């Protein structure tokens, strides 16, 4: 049998008021006449801080705490492609020698108008698109935010593009453009290797680390006019791996800008394995090349 409800005095205190529902961000509470504003810590004559100012400071602190403690979440490549955040090339959108975007109706049988008189160490170049907008953002995210899942997903797209280009018509292998040990440690990722792993899986080709790189400035640390001399002699072949390479080798990198890095790597590999046919595959091609 339920007894009579105890009074406030019997419970030893007032019954607490019901809690307000949790709301985020918090609403600014209206000032009440019965509750005077607290004096500022700066002194009696200083004006009190407004509630809006306190809320702004609180939000900034919470955002800083989120960035520090909560894991950074990245949208997967499949979602970016489905929503148009990342747009990849249509078939025949780029020159298959230099990687430049072709104009509608432009002839590309022996290279585009920009490269028909130029010689390349590779016989075919495959790309995913231009280095801009969402694709450029994704490439930077792989490199500077160490997003391996995104890098391998881009690599798988590159591998599919290689298959469509006929890479498997001869025995072939994938070789990433190497970085230095110090660069790999400072970035926390080998971005070209990450792309190459995804490409090798999608294209069903073996991955061969046939090249190594000597220490030196990165291409981002020198102006475009000095990039060819910066990478001259930067690469050397791992002879044991190079001797076991198949007829066709695909060199994989993230971005083609001036082409100097790919040329230097091609030269080093050709010196160790003169009979190989070289292809190049990159996630993106910068619009301006020098």
Protein backbone atom coordinates (compact mmCIF):
# COMPACT_ATOMS: atom_id res chain seq x y z
CA UNK A 1 0.00 0.00 0.00
CA UNK A 2 1.40 3.32 -0.99
CA UNK A 3 1.80 5.84 1.82
CA UNK A 4 1.17 9.55 1.61
CA UNK A 5 3.66 11.60 -0.37
CA UNK A 6 6.38 13.02 1.83
CA UNK A 7 6.58 16.76 2.15
CA UNK A 8 9.60 18.84 1.25
CA UNK A 9 10.57 19.04 4.89
CA UNK A 10 10.48 15.28 5.36
CA UNK A 11 12.85 14.74 2.42
CA UNK A 12 15.28 17.18 3.88
CA UNK A 13 15.18 19.60 0.95
CA UNK A 14 13.19 20.91 -1.98
CA UNK A 15 12.21 18.57 -4.80
CA UNK A 16 14.49 19.41 -7.78
CA UNK A 17 12.86 21.02 -10.78
CA UNK A 18 12.64 18.84 -13.92
CA UNK A 19 15.76 18.98 -16.12
CA UNK A 20 15.57 20.82 -19.43
CA UNK A 21 16.20 18.62 -22.51
CA UNK A 22 19.79 18.63 -23.81
CA UNK A 23 20.13 21.06 -26.72
CA UNK A 24 23.30 21.71 -28.77
CA UNK A 25 24.49 24.34 -29.43
CA UNK A 26 23.25 25.86 -26.18
CA UNK A 27 20.70 28.64 -26.38
CA UNK A 28 21.49 32.02 -24.91
CA UNK A 29 19.62 32.37 -21.63
CA UNK A 30 17.63 35.60 -21.20
CA UNK A 31 18.78 37.88 -18.41
CA UNK A 32 16.55 37.87 -15.32
CA UNK A 33 15.89 40.84 -13.08
CA UNK A 34 16.33 38.80 -9.91
CA UNK A 35 19.87 37.76 -10.89
CA UNK A 36 22.31 40.67 -11.23
CA UNK A 37 25.25 40.28 -13.57
CA UNK A 38 28.47 39.17 -11.91
CA UNK A 39 31.25 41.70 -11.75
CA UNK A 40 34.11 41.31 -14.19
CA UNK A 41 37.34 39.86 -12.87
CA UNK A 42 39.09 42.87 -14.34
CA UNK A 43 37.62 45.11 -11.63
CA UNK A 44 34.46 46.78 -10.41
CA UNK A 45 34.42 49.36 -13.19
CA UNK A 46 34.86 46.83 -16.06
CA UNK A 47 31.86 45.88 -18.18
CA UNK A 48 30.66 42.28 -17.80
CA UNK A 49 31.19 39.87 -20.71
CA UNK A 50 28.08 39.25 -22.78
CA UNK A 51 26.49 35.81 -22.96
CA UNK A 52 27.09 35.81 -26.73
CA UNK A 53 30.80 36.36 -26.20
CA UNK A 54 30.96 33.55 -23.66
CA UNK A 55 29.16 31.19 -26.03
CA UNK A 56 31.50 32.07 -28.90
CA UNK A 57 34.52 31.36 -26.71
CA UNK A 58 32.98 28.08 -25.58
CA UNK A 59 32.29 26.93 -29.11
CA UNK A 60 35.85 27.72 -30.20
CA UNK A 61 37.16 25.69 -27.29
CA UNK A 62 34.93 22.73 -28.13
CA UNK A 63 35.92 22.83 -31.81
CA UNK A 64 39.59 22.85 -30.80
CA UNK A 65 38.96 19.91 -28.46
CA UNK A 66 37.17 18.00 -31.25
CA UNK A 67 40.10 18.51 -33.63
CA UNK A 68 42.53 17.29 -30.97
CA UNK A 69 40.70 14.29 -29.54
CA UNK A 70 38.26 13.01 -32.15
CA UNK A 71 39.44 11.01 -35.18
CA UNK A 72 39.42 12.81 -38.52
CA UNK A 73 36.82 11.27 -40.84
CA UNK A 74 37.21 11.29 -44.62
CA UNK A 75 34.56 10.60 -47.24
CA UNK A 76 35.32 7.43 -49.24
CA UNK A 77 36.17 7.75 -52.92
CA UNK A 78 32.99 5.90 -53.96
CA UNK A 79 30.87 8.60 -52.32
CA UNK A 80 32.94 11.39 -53.88
CA UNK A 81 32.50 9.86 -57.33
CA UNK A 82 28.77 9.27 -56.85
CA UNK A 83 28.16 12.85 -55.71
CA UNK A 84 30.42 14.49 -58.30
CA UNK A 85 32.94 15.71 -55.73
CA UNK A 86 35.61 13.87 -57.74
CA UNK A 87 35.28 13.68 -61.51
CA UNK A 88 37.48 11.30 -63.50
CA UNK A 89 38.30 11.39 -67.21
CA UNK A 90 35.92 10.28 -69.89
CA UNK A 91 37.46 7.90 -72.46
CA UNK A 92 39.94 9.64 -74.79
CA UNK A 93 39.84 12.85 -72.73
CA UNK A 94 43.63 13.18 -72.60
CA UNK A 95 46.65 12.70 -74.82
CA UNK A 96 48.11 9.25 -74.20
CA UNK A 97 51.68 10.54 -74.64
CA UNK A 98 51.90 13.75 -72.58
CA UNK A 99 48.68 13.58 -70.56
CA UNK A 100 47.35 16.99 -71.65
CA UNK A 101 43.58 17.42 -71.80
CA UNK A 102 42.40 17.26 -75.41
CA UNK A 103 39.99 19.67 -77.02
CA UNK A 104 36.88 18.21 -78.61
CA UNK A 105 37.72 16.72 -82.01
CA UNK A 106 41.49 17.12 -81.55
CA UNK A 107 43.53 14.45 -83.33
CA UNK A 108 45.71 12.36 -81.00
CA UNK A 109 46.91 9.50 -83.19
CA UNK A 110 50.59 10.47 -82.83
CA UNK A 111 50.24 12.72 -79.79
CA UNK A 112 48.50 16.05 -79.42
CA UNK A 113 49.53 19.36 -81.00
CA UNK A 114 51.52 20.17 -77.86
CA UNK A 115 53.70 17.05 -77.90
CA UNK A 116 53.78 15.64 -81.47
CA UNK A 117 57.41 16.73 -81.88
CA UNK A 118 58.45 15.78 -78.34
CA UNK A 119 60.11 12.51 -77.34
CA UNK A 120 59.13 10.63 -74.19
CA UNK A 121 60.83 7.68 -72.48
CA UNK A 122 57.41 6.03 -72.08
CA UNK A 123 55.19 4.75 -74.89
CA UNK A 124 51.90 5.36 -73.10
CA UNK A 125 50.67 7.61 -70.30
CA UNK A 126 47.48 6.92 -68.34
CA UNK A 127 45.88 9.39 -65.95
CA UNK A 128 42.69 9.70 -63.90
CA UNK A 129 42.12 13.37 -64.63
CA UNK A 130 43.35 16.94 -64.32
CA UNK A 131 44.94 18.08 -61.09
CA UNK A 132 42.15 20.39 -59.96
CA UNK A 133 39.02 20.56 -57.82
CA UNK A 134 38.01 17.36 -56.03
CA UNK A 135 40.68 15.15 -57.59
CA UNK A 136 43.46 17.52 -56.51
CA UNK A 137 41.94 17.62 -53.03
CA UNK A 138 41.90 13.82 -52.87
CA UNK A 139 45.53 13.54 -54.03
CA UNK A 140 46.66 16.05 -51.40
CA UNK A 141 44.65 14.23 -48.76
CA UNK A 142 46.50 11.00 -49.49
CA UNK A 143 49.88 12.68 -49.30
CA UNK A 144 49.51 15.18 -46.46
CA UNK A 145 46.81 13.52 -44.32
CA UNK A 146 48.18 9.98 -44.77
CA UNK A 147 44.87 8.67 -46.06
CA UNK A 148 45.91 5.20 -47.20
CA UNK A 149 42.38 3.97 -47.87
CA UNK A 150 41.75 6.86 -50.25
CA UNK A 151 45.16 6.35 -51.88
CA UNK A 152 44.49 2.67 -52.55
CA UNK A 153 41.02 3.50 -53.90
CA UNK A 154 42.54 6.00 -56.33
CA UNK A 155 45.12 3.36 -57.22
CA UNK A 156 42.39 0.85 -58.02
CA UNK A 157 40.80 3.38 -60.36
CA UNK A 158 44.21 3.81 -61.99
CA UNK A 159 44.56 0.03 -62.34
CA UNK A 160 41.17 -0.18 -64.04
CA UNK A 161 42.23 2.59 -66.43
CA UNK A 162 45.41 0.64 -67.23
CA UNK A 163 43.39 -2.47 -67.99
CA UNK A 164 41.15 -0.51 -70.36
CA UNK A 165 44.29 0.85 -72.05
CA UNK A 166 45.50 -2.71 -72.73
CA UNK A 167 48.39 -2.92 -70.29
CA UNK A 168 48.07 -6.71 -70.00
CA UNK A 169 48.58 -7.46 -73.69
CA UNK A 170 52.18 -8.24 -72.66
CA UNK A 171 53.66 -9.45 -69.35
CA UNK A 172 53.76 -6.33 -67.19
CA UNK A 173 54.55 -5.08 -63.68
CA UNK A 174 53.84 -1.99 -61.59
CA UNK A 175 56.75 0.04 -60.17
CA UNK A 176 56.14 3.04 -57.89
CA UNK A 177 58.33 6.12 -58.07
CA UNK A 178 60.23 5.93 -54.79
CA UNK A 179 60.69 8.62 -52.19
CA UNK A 180 63.57 9.01 -49.75
CA UNK A 181 63.49 7.36 -46.34
CA UNK A 182 63.47 10.76 -44.62
CA UNK A 183 60.58 12.00 -46.75
CA UNK A 184 58.62 8.83 -46.04
CA UNK A 185 59.16 9.23 -42.29
CA UNK A 186 58.29 12.94 -42.29
CA UNK A 187 55.08 12.45 -44.29
CA UNK A 188 54.12 9.21 -42.57
CA UNK A 189 53.19 7.62 -45.90
CA UNK A 190 54.72 6.54 -49.19
CA UNK A 191 51.98 7.97 -51.40
CA UNK A 192 53.25 6.61 -54.72
CA UNK A 193 53.60 3.12 -53.23
CA UNK A 194 50.06 3.35 -51.84
CA UNK A 195 48.70 4.24 -55.29
CA UNK A 196 50.79 1.50 -56.89
CA UNK A 197 49.44 -1.16 -54.53
CA UNK A 198 45.87 -0.30 -55.48
CA UNK A 199 46.75 -0.19 -59.18
CA UNK A 200 48.53 -3.55 -59.04
CA UNK A 201 45.54 -5.22 -57.37
CA UNK A 202 43.00 -3.81 -59.84
CA UNK A 203 45.16 -4.51 -62.91
CA UNK A 204 46.17 -7.94 -61.52
CA UNK A 205 49.84 -7.21 -62.03
CA UNK A 206 52.84 -7.82 -59.76
CA UNK A 207 54.29 -4.94 -57.77
CA UNK A 208 58.06 -4.49 -58.17
CA UNK A 209 60.04 -1.98 -56.11
CA UNK A 210 62.75 -1.74 -58.74
CA UNK A 211 63.84 1.84 -58.03
CA UNK A 212 65.29 3.77 -55.08
CA UNK A 213 65.92 7.49 -54.55
CA UNK A 214 68.89 9.39 -53.21
CA UNK A 215 68.36 12.14 -50.60
CA UNK A 216 67.78 15.64 -51.96
CA UNK A 217 65.23 18.45 -52.19
CA UNK A 218 61.71 17.51 -53.25
CA UNK A 219 60.27 18.92 -56.47
CA UNK A 220 57.96 21.14 -54.44
CA UNK A 221 61.00 22.82 -52.89
CA UNK A 222 62.43 24.05 -56.20
CA UNK A 223 60.94 26.22 -58.97
CA UNK A 224 59.65 24.46 -62.12
CA UNK A 225 62.64 25.74 -64.11
CA UNK A 226 65.04 23.86 -61.80
CA UNK A 227 63.13 20.60 -61.50
CA UNK A 228 64.92 18.74 -64.27
CA UNK A 229 68.34 19.41 -62.76
CA UNK A 230 67.02 18.70 -59.26
CA UNK A 231 66.13 15.09 -60.10
CA UNK A 232 69.03 14.39 -62.45
CA UNK A 233 70.72 11.33 -60.97
CA UNK A 234 68.25 11.19 -58.08
CA UNK A 235 67.06 7.65 -58.91
CA UNK A 236 68.92 4.38 -59.17
CA UNK A 237 67.78 0.85 -59.91
CA UNK A 238 67.67 -2.01 -57.44
CA UNK A 239 69.49 -4.36 -59.79
CA UNK A 240 68.15 -7.58 -58.32
CA UNK A 241 64.57 -6.41 -58.88
CA UNK A 242 65.33 -4.73 -62.20
CA UNK A 243 66.80 -7.91 -63.68
CA UNK A 244 63.55 -9.76 -62.93
CA UNK A 245 61.25 -7.21 -64.59
CA UNK A 246 58.90 -8.36 -67.36
CA UNK A 247 58.71 -6.87 -70.84
CA UNK A 248 56.45 -3.95 -69.82
CA UNK A 249 56.81 -1.78 -66.71
CA UNK A 250 54.33 0.85 -65.52
CA UNK A 251 55.86 3.68 -63.46
CA UNK A 252 53.31 5.06 -60.99
CA UNK A 253 53.29 8.52 -59.37
CA UNK A 254 50.67 10.85 -57.92
CA UNK A 255 51.00 14.02 -60.05
CA UNK A 256 52.68 14.84 -63.35
CA UNK A 257 53.72 18.49 -63.51
CA UNK A 258 56.81 19.11 -65.64
CA UNK A 259 57.49 15.41 -66.26
CA UNK A 260 61.04 15.73 -64.95
CA UNK A 261 60.61 13.19 -62.15
CA UNK A 262 59.17 10.52 -64.44
CA UNK A 263 61.90 11.14 -67.02
CA UNK A 264 64.65 10.76 -64.42
CA UNK A 265 63.12 7.56 -63.05
CA UNK A 266 62.69 6.17 -66.57
CA UNK A 267 66.33 6.87 -67.36
CA UNK A 268 67.51 5.03 -64.24
CA UNK A 269 65.34 2.01 -64.97
CA UNK A 270 66.31 1.87 -68.64
CA UNK A 271 69.97 1.88 -67.67
CA UNK A 272 69.45 -1.26 -65.56
CA UNK A 273 66.88 -2.95 -67.83
CA UNK A 274 67.38 -1.59 -71.35
CA UNK A 275 64.87 -3.92 -73.01
CA UNK A 276 61.76 -2.91 -71.04
CA UNK A 277 58.85 -0.98 -72.52
CA UNK A 278 57.86 1.82 -70.16
CA UNK A 279 54.39 3.12 -69.42
CA UNK A 280 53.53 5.93 -67.01
CA UNK A 281 50.43 6.12 -64.81
CA UNK A 282 49.52 9.08 -62.60
CA UNK A 283 46.52 10.05 -60.54
CA UNK A 284 46.47 13.55 -62.01
CA UNK A 285 48.19 15.81 -64.53
CA UNK A 286 48.74 19.47 -63.71
CA UNK A 287 47.35 21.73 -66.42
CA UNK A 288 50.54 23.70 -66.85
CA UNK A 289 53.62 21.81 -67.85
CA UNK A 290 57.03 23.23 -68.50
